[in-house]
Protein backbone atom coordinates (compact mmCIF):
# COMPACT_ATOMS: atom_id res chain seq x y z
CA UNK A 1 97.20 76.29 100.85
CA UNK A 2 98.38 78.61 103.55
CA UNK A 3 101.58 78.78 105.54
CA UNK A 4 99.84 80.59 108.40
CA UNK A 5 99.04 78.52 111.47
CA UNK A 6 95.78 78.98 113.30
CA UNK A 7 97.73 80.43 116.25
CA UNK A 8 99.32 83.16 114.13
CA UNK A 9 97.84 86.60 113.92
CA UNK A 10 97.88 88.40 110.60
CA UNK A 11 98.05 92.17 110.66
CA UNK A 12 97.81 94.26 107.53
CA UNK A 13 100.25 97.14 107.64
CA UNK A 14 100.91 100.06 105.36
CA UNK A 15 104.46 101.31 105.81
CA UNK A 16 105.00 104.93 104.85
CA UNK A 17 108.74 104.70 104.21
CA UNK A 18 111.21 102.22 102.81
CA UNK A 19 112.81 102.05 106.25
CA UNK A 20 109.48 101.08 107.86
CA UNK A 21 108.99 98.34 105.28
CA UNK A 22 112.50 97.01 105.92
CA UNK A 23 111.89 97.11 109.69
CA UNK A 24 108.67 95.11 109.27
CA UNK A 25 110.45 92.47 107.19
CA UNK A 26 113.35 92.29 109.64
CA UNK A 27 110.95 92.00 112.58
CA UNK A 28 109.28 89.03 110.89
CA UNK A 29 112.60 87.55 109.72
CA UNK A 30 115.27 88.76 112.19
CA UNK A 31 117.96 86.66 110.51
CA UNK A 32 117.56 88.99 107.47
CA UNK A 33 116.69 86.16 105.11
CA UNK A 34 113.25 85.16 103.99
CA UNK A 35 112.53 81.56 102.97
CA UNK A 36 111.44 81.95 99.34
CA UNK A 37 108.71 79.29 99.46
CA UNK A 38 107.23 80.76 102.65
CA UNK A 39 107.21 84.28 101.25
CA UNK A 40 105.67 83.22 97.93
CA UNK A 41 103.03 81.21 99.80
CA UNK A 42 102.22 84.31 101.85
CA UNK A 43 101.62 86.23 98.63
CA UNK A 44 99.30 83.43 97.58
CA UNK A 45 96.77 83.62 94.81
CA UNK A 46 95.51 87.02 96.00
CA UNK A 47 98.44 88.77 94.33
CA UNK A 48 99.52 86.70 91.30
CA UNK A 49 101.04 89.73 89.57
CA UNK A 50 103.19 90.65 92.59
CA UNK A 51 104.30 87.03 92.84
CA UNK A 52 105.34 86.95 89.18
CA UNK A 53 107.13 90.29 89.43
CA UNK A 54 109.05 89.17 92.52
CA UNK A 55 110.13 85.94 90.84
CA UNK A 56 111.09 87.83 87.67
CA UNK A 57 113.24 90.39 89.51
CA UNK A 58 114.66 88.20 92.28
CA UNK A 59 115.06 85.03 90.26
CA UNK A 60 113.31 81.70 90.30
CA UNK A 61 114.58 78.60 92.01
CA UNK A 62 115.94 80.54 94.98
CA UNK A 63 115.82 79.21 98.52
CA UNK A 64 116.15 82.56 100.30
CA UNK A 65 115.49 86.23 99.68
CA UNK A 66 117.37 88.93 101.56
CA UNK A 67 115.10 91.28 103.53
CA UNK A 68 116.73 94.34 101.96
CA UNK A 69 116.29 93.11 98.39
CA UNK A 70 112.61 92.34 99.04
CA UNK A 71 112.09 95.74 100.69
CA UNK A 72 113.84 97.46 97.75
CA UNK A 73 111.74 95.58 95.23
CA UNK A 74 108.40 96.04 96.99
CA UNK A 75 109.06 99.70 97.73
CA UNK A 76 110.17 100.33 94.17
CA UNK A 77 106.98 98.78 92.85
CA UNK A 78 104.77 100.87 95.11
CA UNK A 79 106.65 104.17 95.34
CA UNK A 80 103.89 106.74 94.87
CA UNK A 81 106.39 109.57 94.43
CA UNK A 82 107.51 108.08 91.14
CA UNK A 83 103.98 107.66 89.79
CA UNK A 84 102.74 110.51 87.65
CA UNK A 85 99.03 110.96 88.30
CA UNK A 86 98.61 114.13 86.26
């Protein structure tokens, strides 16, 4: 099941800063709130771990996520500066 209409265009982006990630989310959701069901559907089955982590940290049963909290969570999970590769 997909929430993307056939008229929509999907672009994969790779933000380099937290601010870029927040700007992307706020461009997509200018009201600064993300419908939880829509966002979780967008994650889909391709990223079950990310979906579970988001629900764990942001809470289940929510109707909306704030763009800043999602940006903070996603950036925190992918922040390469905090990963020790040595």
